[in-house]
């Protein structure tokens, strides 16, 4: 098809912003650029089967700008061939901008190929080698944005992933800040060809960006496209984004409700006309007693949940706080700017909700502890006051009794005191006499004891003498008996 023929077939659909498809909520079905296949005839065929967006084969921007023959050979279109994205291989920002201006009236946008792993492309500085040159990619996107007049003309990039995924995320963030419309991610690195696609890497990239992300790699049917969209969370299918938003809304609505409940409890606990003892009685209900065993675990669990939500909100705020890049890209891509601003607002709102919930939860715990301690102190103070009052009453009674005794002693007079002194003297003299008599008695007793000992010794000697005489008498009797026997014989 000649270049003149292209100029005679403009389409009003070319003026529409292709980004609207990604915000419709439906799965966006895209025909990927394929060498020698993705030309007009093939694109016309796939559009009959409800393909939403088509790409041209990769075109070298330098040849396209310099040669009319290259333009006639590489790029053909017609009125029904839209929306259409022209993919360029480029390593020069000005040449890419010139190529974009040429196709602007006949296409909805251009795509910069940063993912082709072929050796010739990498040798020429095209394709996958650009993922290691984020500054060049940014420069090319800026040049196209500044020189193409149509504000709805999209500028996208197609990339492969690094072995270190953080480098890929950094590249995508820089491209997003420059004003890129969307990013197509082929889930393999430069060296991989037929290995499994890293859909988890695509999911991580999607979670870290706010612009649409298109998943690419080994998707050969509509069912596979739906499965990949569900695995990665990339923009498209109607049910998944809505479910995600609903879950987040319910999650943060629950946190906000918890925040309002905390505010209400704190206000109730701070009411001046309810004393701490009354709150202590409320805290001592049997129901609270059963819950108290799980109170510490529940408190720590809620603390952990609020900290996780707070950190997640901080991450979201950092993610969408790219004000410098957004200001530069807002004039060229207002819908993306508004989308990011809305997400930034929601992230900040979630940050405030989780932060205040965490703070008030700690305050509430401390307030309940202080009220409990204060009620105990007041109770102890009341008991001590009662004891002090009783002790004061007893002291008063003792003082009154002492006064009465003093008065009685004063009335008795000095005469009684003299009588008592005389009686005491008589008692002392009697005690002395008794002591003297006791001494005499003890002396006599000791003499008697000595005499008794002497008598005992004498009796013992007499008993021994008696025993001796008794033995002699016995012997004499025996001798007499023997002598008598002899006489008889």
Protein backbone atom coordinates (compact mmCIF):
# COMPACT_ATOMS: atom_id res chain seq x y z
CA UNK A 1 0.00 0.00 0.00
CA UNK A 2 1.42 3.37 -0.94
CA UNK A 3 2.04 6.23 1.43
CA UNK A 4 -0.42 8.40 -0.49
CA UNK A 5 -3.09 5.80 0.06
CA UNK A 6 -2.50 5.91 3.77
CA UNK A 7 -3.10 9.63 3.83
CA UNK A 8 -6.49 9.22 2.14
CA UNK A 9 -7.83 6.86 4.79
CA UNK A 10 -7.77 8.74 8.09
CA UNK A 11 -10.03 7.46 10.89
CA UNK A 12 -11.68 9.41 13.67
CA UNK A 13 -10.88 6.52 16.02
CA UNK A 14 -7.23 7.55 15.76
CA UNK A 15 -7.99 10.57 17.94
CA UNK A 16 -9.22 8.44 20.85
CA UNK A 17 -7.03 7.68 23.82
CA UNK A 18 -6.24 3.92 23.92
CA UNK A 19 -5.76 4.22 27.69
CA UNK A 20 -9.54 4.28 28.03
CA UNK A 21 -9.60 0.55 27.27
CA UNK A 22 -7.52 -0.18 30.35
CA UNK A 23 -9.85 1.84 32.57
CA UNK A 24 -13.00 0.13 31.27
CA UNK A 25 -12.68 -2.79 33.68
CA UNK A 26 -12.74 -5.48 30.97
CA UNK A 27 -9.94 -7.82 29.95
CA UNK A 28 -8.04 -6.06 27.16
CA UNK A 29 -7.16 -8.59 24.46
CA UNK A 30 -4.01 -7.54 22.59
CA UNK A 31 -2.33 -9.04 19.56
CA UNK A 32 1.40 -8.92 20.27
CA UNK A 33 3.85 -7.72 17.57
CA UNK A 34 5.21 -10.68 15.60
CA UNK A 35 7.87 -10.43 12.89
CA UNK A 36 6.38 -10.96 9.39
CA UNK A 37 2.96 -11.82 10.83
CA UNK A 38 1.45 -8.73 12.47
CA UNK A 39 0.81 -6.87 9.21
CA UNK A 40 -2.47 -5.43 7.96
CA UNK A 41 -4.03 -8.68 6.71
CA UNK A 42 -3.30 -10.54 9.93
CA UNK A 43 -4.50 -7.63 12.03
CA UNK A 44 -7.75 -7.48 10.04
CA UNK A 45 -8.27 -11.19 10.70
CA UNK A 46 -7.71 -11.08 14.45
CA UNK A 47 -9.95 -8.03 14.84
CA UNK A 48 -12.84 -10.16 13.55
CA UNK A 49 -12.30 -12.36 16.63
CA UNK A 50 -12.71 -9.47 19.08
CA UNK A 51 -9.08 -8.47 19.46
CA UNK A 52 -9.12 -5.08 21.20
CA UNK A 53 -5.68 -3.72 20.31
CA UNK A 54 -3.14 -4.62 17.62
CA UNK A 55 0.55 -3.93 17.17
CA UNK A 56 2.53 -3.68 13.96
CA UNK A 57 5.72 -5.73 13.59
CA UNK A 58 8.84 -4.07 14.95
CA UNK A 59 10.04 -1.28 12.60
CA UNK A 60 13.52 0.24 12.76
CA UNK A 61 12.85 3.95 13.34
CA UNK A 62 16.01 5.18 11.59
CA UNK A 63 15.17 3.35 8.32
CA UNK A 64 11.52 4.36 8.58
CA UNK A 65 12.41 8.06 8.80
CA UNK A 66 15.08 8.05 6.10
CA UNK A 67 13.44 5.86 3.42
CA UNK A 68 10.05 6.22 1.74
CA UNK A 69 10.39 2.65 0.49
CA UNK A 70 10.77 1.44 4.04
CA UNK A 71 7.64 3.31 5.06
CA UNK A 72 5.66 1.84 2.18
CA UNK A 73 6.93 -1.65 2.91
CA UNK A 74 6.75 -1.72 6.67
CA UNK A 75 3.64 0.28 7.46
CA UNK A 76 0.23 -0.16 5.84
CA UNK A 77 -3.16 0.44 7.35
CA UNK A 78 -6.79 1.23 6.52
CA UNK A 79 -9.84 2.78 8.09
CA UNK A 80 -10.84 -0.29 10.10
CA UNK A 81 -7.32 -0.89 11.43
CA UNK A 82 -7.71 0.80 14.79
CA UNK A 83 -6.87 1.08 17.57
CA UNK A 84 -3.33 0.52 16.33
CA UNK A 85 0.07 0.75 18.00
CA UNK A 86 3.22 1.03 15.90
CA UNK A 87 6.25 -0.64 17.48
CA UNK A 88 9.64 0.92 16.79
CA UNK A 89 13.17 -0.19 17.42
CA UNK A 90 15.18 2.92 18.26
CA UNK A 91 18.21 4.14 20.13
CA UNK A 92 17.97 7.82 19.25
CA UNK A 93 15.34 10.09 20.78
CA UNK A 94 15.08 12.50 17.85
CA UNK A 95 14.74 9.77 15.21
CA UNK A 96 12.04 8.08 17.28
CA UNK A 97 10.22 11.41 17.67
CA UNK A 98 10.33 11.97 13.90
CA UNK A 99 8.97 8.47 13.25
CA UNK A 100 6.18 9.06 15.80
CA UNK A 101 5.18 12.30 14.08
CA UNK A 102 4.94 10.49 10.75
CA UNK A 103 2.59 7.74 12.02
CA UNK A 104 0.64 9.98 14.44
CA UNK A 105 -2.27 10.66 12.02
CA UNK A 106 -2.64 6.94 11.23
CA UNK A 107 -2.10 5.23 14.59
CA UNK A 108 -3.16 5.58 18.20
CA UNK A 109 0.35 5.40 19.62
CA UNK A 110 3.84 3.99 19.39
CA UNK A 111 5.65 1.34 21.41
CA UNK A 112 9.41 1.32 22.07
CA UNK A 113 10.81 -2.19 21.80
CA UNK A 114 13.06 -2.73 24.84
CA UNK A 115 12.65 -6.50 24.92
CA UNK A 116 13.88 -8.02 21.64
CA UNK A 117 16.65 -10.52 22.56
CA UNK A 118 17.97 -11.06 19.03
CA UNK A 119 21.71 -10.54 18.71
CA UNK A 120 21.52 -8.20 15.70
CA UNK A 121 19.11 -5.92 17.58
CA UNK A 122 21.28 -5.83 20.70
CA UNK A 123 24.38 -5.23 18.57
CA UNK A 124 22.67 -2.23 16.94
CA UNK A 125 21.64 -0.87 20.35
CA UNK A 126 17.97 -1.81 20.00
CA UNK A 127 15.68 -4.11 21.92
CA UNK A 128 16.56 -5.75 25.23
CA UNK A 129 19.82 -3.84 25.72
CA UNK A 130 17.71 -0.73 26.46
CA UNK A 131 16.55 -2.16 29.80
CA UNK A 132 20.05 -1.35 31.03
CA UNK A 133 19.77 2.24 29.74
CA UNK A 134 16.84 3.78 31.63
CA UNK A 135 18.04 7.34 30.95
CA UNK A 136 17.91 6.74 27.16
CA UNK A 137 14.42 5.27 27.46
CA UNK A 138 13.31 8.30 29.46
CA UNK A 139 14.80 10.66 26.91
CA UNK A 140 13.01 8.94 24.02
CA UNK A 141 9.65 9.05 25.83
CA UNK A 142 10.14 12.75 26.64
CA UNK A 143 11.02 13.64 23.06
CA UNK A 144 7.91 11.95 21.69
CA UNK A 145 5.71 13.54 24.32
CA UNK A 146 7.05 17.00 23.64
CA UNK A 147 6.92 16.87 19.82
CA UNK A 148 3.72 14.94 19.06
CA UNK A 149 0.78 17.35 19.13
CA UNK A 150 -2.01 14.84 19.81
CA UNK A 151 -2.36 14.64 23.65
CA UNK A 152 -4.12 11.25 23.36
CA UNK A 153 -1.25 9.71 21.41
CA UNK A 154 0.11 6.93 23.60
CA UNK A 155 3.78 6.16 24.20
CA UNK A 156 4.43 2.73 25.67
CA UNK A 157 7.42 0.42 26.11
CA UNK A 158 7.88 -3.33 26.00
CA UNK A 159 10.56 -4.79 28.26
CA UNK A 160 12.10 -8.00 29.53
CA UNK A 161 13.03 -8.50 33.18
CA UNK A 162 16.44 -8.40 34.87
CA UNK A 163 17.80 -11.19 37.02
CA UNK A 164 17.68 -8.60 39.82
CA UNK A 165 14.01 -7.62 39.74
CA UNK A 166 14.64 -4.40 41.66
CA UNK A 167 16.39 -3.03 38.58
CA UNK A 168 13.32 -3.78 36.50
CA UNK A 169 11.04 -2.09 39.02
CA UNK A 170 13.36 0.94 39.06
CA UNK A 171 13.31 1.11 35.25
CA UNK A 172 9.50 0.96 35.21
CA UNK A 173 9.19 3.66 37.86
CA UNK A 174 11.48 5.96 35.92
CA UNK A 175 9.47 5.34 32.76
CA UNK A 176 6.24 5.98 34.67
CA UNK A 177 7.58 9.26 36.02
CA UNK A 178 8.53 10.33 32.48
CA UNK A 179 4.96 9.88 31.24
CA UNK A 180 4.84 6.45 29.59
CA UNK A 181 1.24 5.35 28.94
CA UNK A 182 1.67 1.68 29.81
CA UNK A 183 4.34 -0.99 30.01
CA UNK A 184 4.28 -4.45 28.44
CA UNK A 185 6.36 -6.93 30.45
CA UNK A 186 7.65 -10.13 28.86
CA UNK A 187 8.29 -12.35 31.88
CA UNK A 188 11.71 -13.66 30.81
CA UNK A 189 15.23 -12.28 30.98
CA UNK A 190 17.46 -11.67 27.94
CA UNK A 191 18.99 -15.15 27.99
CA UNK A 192 15.74 -17.08 28.35
CA UNK A 193 13.85 -18.32 25.26
CA UNK A 194 11.57 -21.28 25.97
CA UNK A 195 11.88 -21.38 29.74
CA UNK A 196 8.71 -20.84 31.84
CA UNK A 197 7.52 -17.24 32.08
CA UNK A 198 8.05 -15.54 35.46
CA UNK A 199 4.50 -14.37 36.04
CA UNK A 200 5.33 -13.67 39.68
CA UNK A 201 7.80 -11.00 38.50
CA UNK A 202 5.05 -9.37 36.41
CA UNK A 203 2.82 -9.34 39.50
CA UNK A 204 5.51 -7.61 41.56
CA UNK A 205 6.01 -4.96 38.87
CA UNK A 206 2.26 -4.36 38.72
CA UNK A 207 2.07 -3.93 42.50
CA UNK A 208 4.77 -1.26 42.40
CA UNK A 209 3.31 0.89 39.59
CA UNK A 210 0.10 2.79 39.03
CA UNK A 211 0.01 2.82 35.22
CA UNK A 212 -1.42 -0.16 33.28
CA UNK A 213 0.84 -3.22 33.00
CA UNK A 214 0.39 -5.75 30.17
CA UNK A 215 1.49 -9.34 30.70
CA UNK A 216 3.30 -11.00 27.78
CA UNK A 217 4.72 -14.45 27.21
CA UNK A 218 3.29 -17.90 26.30
CA UNK A 219 -0.33 -16.73 26.15
CA UNK A 220 -1.93 -18.71 23.33
CA UNK A 221 -5.64 -18.73 24.19
CA UNK A 222 -8.28 -16.60 25.84
CA UNK A 223 -8.41 -18.97 28.81
CA UNK A 224 -4.65 -18.62 29.30
CA UNK A 225 -5.00 -14.85 29.05
CA UNK A 226 -7.65 -14.88 31.81
CA UNK A 227 -5.50 -17.16 33.99
CA UNK A 228 -2.42 -14.95 33.55
CA UNK A 229 -4.44 -11.83 34.29
CA UNK A 230 -5.70 -13.48 37.49
CA UNK A 231 -2.20 -14.59 38.53
CA UNK A 232 -0.48 -11.28 37.88
CA UNK A 233 -3.24 -8.77 38.64
CA UNK A 234 -2.44 -6.90 35.44
CA UNK A 235 -5.02 -4.50 34.02
CA UNK A 236 -7.94 -6.01 32.21
CA UNK A 237 -10.52 -8.41 33.49
CA UNK A 238 -13.59 -6.80 34.98
CA UNK A 239 -14.10 -8.96 38.05
CA UNK A 240 -10.56 -8.94 39.47
CA UNK A 241 -9.98 -5.17 39.76
CA UNK A 242 -13.40 -4.71 41.30
CA UNK A 243 -12.82 -7.46 43.80
CA UNK A 244 -9.48 -5.96 44.72
CA UNK A 245 -10.97 -2.52 45.26
CA UNK A 246 -13.85 -3.97 47.23
CA UNK A 247 -11.50 -5.89 49.50
CA UNK A 248 -9.42 -2.80 50.14
CA UNK A 249 -12.53 -0.72 50.78
CA UNK A 250 -13.87 -3.23 53.32
CA UNK A 251 -10.44 -3.52 54.93
CA UNK A 252 -9.97 0.21 55.43
CA UNK A 253 -13.64 0.71 56.28
CA UNK A 254 -13.10 -1.76 59.13
CA UNK A 255 -9.99 0.14 60.25
CA UNK A 256 -11.88 3.46 60.08
CA UNK A 257 -14.74 1.97 62.11
CA UNK A 258 -12.19 0.76 64.66
CA UNK A 259 -10.74 4.29 64.76
CA UNK A 260 -14.14 5.85 65.44
CA UNK A 261 -14.82 3.24 68.14
CA UNK A 262 -11.50 4.15 69.80
CA UNK A 263 -12.39 7.85 69.74
CA UNK A 264 -15.78 7.10 71.30
CA UNK A 265 -14.25 4.97 74.08
CA UNK A 266 -11.59 7.57 74.87
CA UNK A 267 -14.21 10.32 75.08
CA UNK A 268 -16.37 8.15 77.36
CA UNK A 269 -13.43 7.30 79.61
CA UNK A 270 -12.53 10.98 79.89
CA UNK A 271 -16.00 12.10 81.04
CA UNK A 272 -15.44 14.05 84.29
CA UNK A 273 -18.67 13.03 86.06
CA UNK A 274 -17.91 9.29 85.97
CA UNK A 275 -15.37 8.50 88.75
CA UNK A 276 -12.64 5.88 88.31
CA UNK A 277 -14.30 3.63 90.91
CA UNK A 278 -17.38 3.41 88.68
CA UNK A 279 -15.22 2.39 85.70
CA UNK A 280 -13.45 -0.15 87.93
CA UNK A 281 -16.81 -1.72 88.77
CA UNK A 282 -17.60 -1.85 85.05
CA UNK A 283 -14.20 -3.45 84.35
CA UNK A 284 -14.92 -6.06 87.04
CA UNK A 285 -18.04 -7.46 85.31
CA UNK A 286 -17.90 -11.27 84.93
CA UNK A 287 -17.89 -10.91 81.13
CA UNK A 288 -14.80 -8.72 81.23
CA UNK A 289 -13.19 -11.17 83.61
CA UNK A 290 -13.52 -13.92 81.01
CA UNK A 291 -12.18 -11.68 78.24
CA UNK A 292 -9.28 -10.44 80.38
CA UNK A 293 -7.42 -13.73 79.97
CA UNK A 294 -7.17 -13.09 76.22
CA UNK A 295 -6.76 -9.31 76.51
CA UNK A 296 -2.98 -9.17 76.18
CA UNK A 297 -2.93 -11.50 73.18
CA UNK A 298 -5.71 -9.53 71.48
CA UNK A 299 -3.94 -6.25 72.22
CA UNK A 300 -0.64 -7.45 70.70
CA UNK A 301 -2.45 -8.94 67.68
CA UNK A 302 -4.20 -5.65 66.94
CA UNK A 303 -0.90 -3.78 67.41
CA UNK A 304 0.80 -6.04 64.85
CA UNK A 305 -2.09 -5.68 62.37
CA UNK A 306 -2.11 -1.89 62.68
CA UNK A 307 1.68 -1.72 62.25
CA UNK A 308 1.47 -3.89 59.11
CA UNK A 309 -1.30 -1.70 57.70
CA UNK A 310 0.64 1.44 58.59
CA UNK A 311 3.80 0.20 56.85
CA UNK A 312 1.76 -0.86 53.82
CA UNK A 313 0.21 2.62 53.67
CA UNK A 314 3.68 4.19 53.93
CA UNK A 315 4.81 2.02 51.03
CA UNK A 316 1.80 3.09 48.96
CA UNK A 317 2.43 6.76 49.71
CA UNK A 318 6.07 6.43 48.66
CA UNK A 319 4.98 4.57 45.56
CA UNK A 320 2.61 7.28 44.36
CA UNK A 321 4.56 10.29 45.67
CA UNK A 322 6.32 10.97 42.38
CA UNK A 323 5.12 14.54 42.10
CA UNK A 324 8.06 15.73 39.98
CA UNK A 325 7.46 13.15 37.29
CA UNK A 326 3.71 13.61 37.42
CA UNK A 327 3.97 17.36 36.93
CA UNK A 328 6.02 16.82 33.79
CA UNK A 329 3.69 14.20 32.38
CA UNK A 330 0.37 15.73 33.41
CA UNK A 331 -0.01 17.86 30.27
CA UNK A 332 0.59 14.86 28.02
CA UNK A 333 -1.30 12.21 29.97
CA UNK A 334 -3.96 13.85 32.16
CA UNK A 335 -5.95 10.66 32.80
CA UNK A 336 -2.91 8.87 34.20
CA UNK A 337 -2.13 11.89 36.35
CA UNK A 338 -5.64 11.92 37.80
CA UNK A 339 -5.47 8.16 38.35
CA UNK A 340 -2.19 8.41 40.26
CA UNK A 341 -3.43 11.40 42.27
CA UNK A 342 -6.50 9.44 43.34
CA UNK A 343 -4.37 6.50 44.42
CA UNK A 344 -2.03 8.86 46.27
CA UNK A 345 -5.00 10.42 48.07
CA UNK A 346 -6.27 6.98 49.09
CA UNK A 347 -2.82 5.93 50.25
CA UNK A 348 -2.48 9.09 52.37
CA UNK A 349 -5.96 8.57 53.80
CA UNK A 350 -5.09 4.98 54.72
CA UNK A 351 -1.83 6.19 56.26
CA UNK A 352 -3.66 8.66 58.50
CA UNK A 353 -6.34 6.13 59.47
CA UNK A 354 -3.86 3.40 60.37
CA UNK A 355 -1.49 5.83 62.12
CA UNK A 356 -4.20 7.39 64.28
CA UNK A 357 -5.71 3.97 65.00
CA UNK A 358 -2.35 2.70 66.20
CA UNK A 359 -1.75 5.83 68.31
CA UNK A 360 -5.22 5.84 69.87
CA UNK A 361 -5.03 2.10 70.56
CA UNK A 362 -1.89 2.67 72.61
CA UNK A 363 -3.49 5.69 74.30
CA UNK A 364 -6.61 3.64 75.08
CA UNK A 365 -4.55 0.87 76.66
CA UNK A 366 -2.62 3.40 78.76
CA UNK A 367 -5.84 5.20 79.75
CA UNK A 368 -7.52 2.00 80.93
CA UNK A 369 -4.37 1.11 82.91
CA UNK A 370 -4.25 4.55 84.53
CA UNK A 371 -7.96 4.47 85.41
CA UNK A 372 -7.52 1.03 86.99
CA UNK A 373 -4.50 2.19 89.01
CA UNK A 374 -6.25 5.40 90.04
CA UNK A 375 -9.31 3.51 91.23
CA UNK A 376 -7.08 1.18 93.28
CA UNK A 377 -5.23 4.14 94.76
CA UNK A 378 -8.49 5.83 95.64
CA UNK A 379 -9.75 2.60 97.25
CA UNK A 380 -6.56 2.25 99.30
CA UNK A 381 -6.79 5.92 100.24
CA UNK A 382 -10.36 5.40 101.49
CA UNK A 383 -9.34 2.42 103.64
CA UNK A 384 -6.40 4.34 105.08
CA UNK A 385 -8.68 7.27 105.86
CA UNK A 386 -11.07 4.99 107.75
CA UNK A 387 -8.16 3.50 109.71
CA UNK A 388 -6.81 6.97 110.48
CA UNK A 389 -10.23 8.11 111.72
CA UNK A 390 -10.55 5.05 113.98
CA UNK A 391 -7.03 5.59 115.34
CA UNK A 392 -7.85 9.24 116.05
CA UNK A 393 -10.98 8.24 117.93
CA UNK A 394 -9.01 5.70 120.02
CA UNK A 395 -6.31 8.29 120.79
CA UNK A 396 -8.96 10.74 121.93
CA UNK A 397 -10.42 8.12 124.27
CA UNK A 398 -6.99 7.35 125.76
CA UNK A 399 -6.30 11.02 126.26
CA UNK A 400 -9.61 11.45 128.07
CA UNK A 401 -8.86 8.49 130.35
CA UNK A 402 -5.41 9.89 131.15
CA UNK A 403 -6.97 13.19 132.12
CA UNK A 404 -9.39 11.43 134.39
CA UNK A 405 -6.57 9.50 136.10
CA UNK A 406 -4.60 12.67 136.62
CA UNK A 407 -7.62 14.29 138.22
CA UNK A 408 -8.15 11.29 140.53
CA UNK A 409 -4.51 11.39 141.59
CA UNK A 410 -4.70 15.07 142.29
CA UNK A 411 -7.80 14.56 144.49
CA UNK A 412 -6.21 11.86 146.69
CA UNK A 413 -3.72 14.40 148.08
CA UNK A 414 -0.34 14.11 149.82
CA UNK A 415 -1.55 12.21 152.99
CA UNK A 416 -2.12 9.07 151.05
CA UNK A 417 1.33 9.37 149.60
CA UNK A 418 2.93 9.52 153.13
CA UNK A 419 0.97 6.45 154.28
CA UNK A 420 2.16 4.60 151.24
CA UNK A 421 5.77 5.60 151.98
CA UNK A 422 5.50 4.38 155.62
CA UNK A 423 4.01 1.07 154.57
CA UNK A 424 6.78 0.66 151.98
CA UNK A 425 9.41 1.26 154.73
CA UNK A 426 7.81 -1.35 157.01
CA UNK A 427 7.73 -3.82 154.19
CA UNK A 428 11.43 -3.18 153.47
CA UNK A 429 12.32 -3.79 157.20
CA UNK A 430 10.27 -6.99 157.26
CA UNK A 431 12.06 -8.20 154.15
CA UNK A 432 15.43 -7.53 155.81
CA UNK A 433 14.44 -9.46 158.96
CA UNK A 434 13.26 -12.37 156.90
CA UNK A 435 16.53 -12.35 155.00
CA UNK A 436 18.54 -12.49 158.28
CA UNK A 437 16.43 -15.34 159.68
CA UNK A 438 16.79 -17.16 156.38
CA UNK A 439 20.56 -16.85 156.64
CA UNK A 440 20.55 -18.29 160.18
CA UNK A 441 18.33 -21.14 159.15
CA UNK A 442 20.53 -21.94 156.19
CA UNK A 443 23.62 -22.00 158.46
CA UNK A 444 21.93 -24.37 160.95
CA UNK A 445 20.81 -26.54 158.08
CA UNK A 446 24.35 -26.77 156.76
CA UNK A 447 25.61 -27.81 160.28
CA UNK A 448 22.95 -30.47 160.51
CA UNK A 449 23.90 -31.75 157.11
CA UNK A 450 27.56 -31.97 158.15
CA UNK A 451 26.64 -33.89 161.34
CA UNK A 452 24.48 -36.20 159.27
CA UNK A 453 27.41 -36.95 157.00
CA UNK A 454 29.62 -37.70 160.03
CA UNK A 455 26.98 -40.01 161.54
CA UNK A 456 26.68 -41.77 158.22
CA UNK A 457 30.42 -42.41 158.10
CA UNK A 458 30.39 -43.76 161.65
CA UNK A 459 27.49 -46.07 160.92
CA UNK A 460 29.27 -47.43 157.88
CA UNK A 461 32.41 -48.22 159.98
CA UNK A 462 30.26 -49.90 162.64
CA UNK A 463 28.53 -51.99 160.05
CA UNK A 464 31.86 -53.15 158.69
CA UNK A 465 33.07 -54.05 162.24
CA UNK A 466 29.84 -55.97 162.87
CA UNK A 467 30.32 -57.92 159.65
CA UNK A 468 33.87 -58.85 160.68
CA UNK A 469 32.77 -60.01 164.13
CA UNK A 470 29.95 -62.00 162.55
CA UNK A 471 32.39 -63.82 160.31
CA UNK A 472 34.68 -64.60 163.30
CA UNK A 473 31.73 -65.92 165.29
CA UNK A 474 30.76 -68.17 162.43
CA UNK A 475 34.25 -69.53 162.17
CA UNK A 476 34.41 -70.21 165.89
CA UNK A 477 31.14 -72.09 165.75
CA UNK A 478 32.46 -74.25 162.95
CA UNK A 479 35.61 -75.04 164.95
CA UNK A 480 33.51 -75.96 168.03
CA UNK A 481 31.33 -78.20 165.91
CA UNK A 482 34.36 -80.02 164.55
CA UNK A 483 35.83 -80.50 168.03
CA UNK A 484 32.60 -81.97 169.36
CA UNK A 485 32.50 -84.44 166.53
CA UNK A 486 35.99 -85.58 167.37
CA UNK A 487 35.02 -86.08 171.02
CA UNK A 488 32.09 -88.24 170.08
CA UNK A 489 34.28 -90.44 167.97
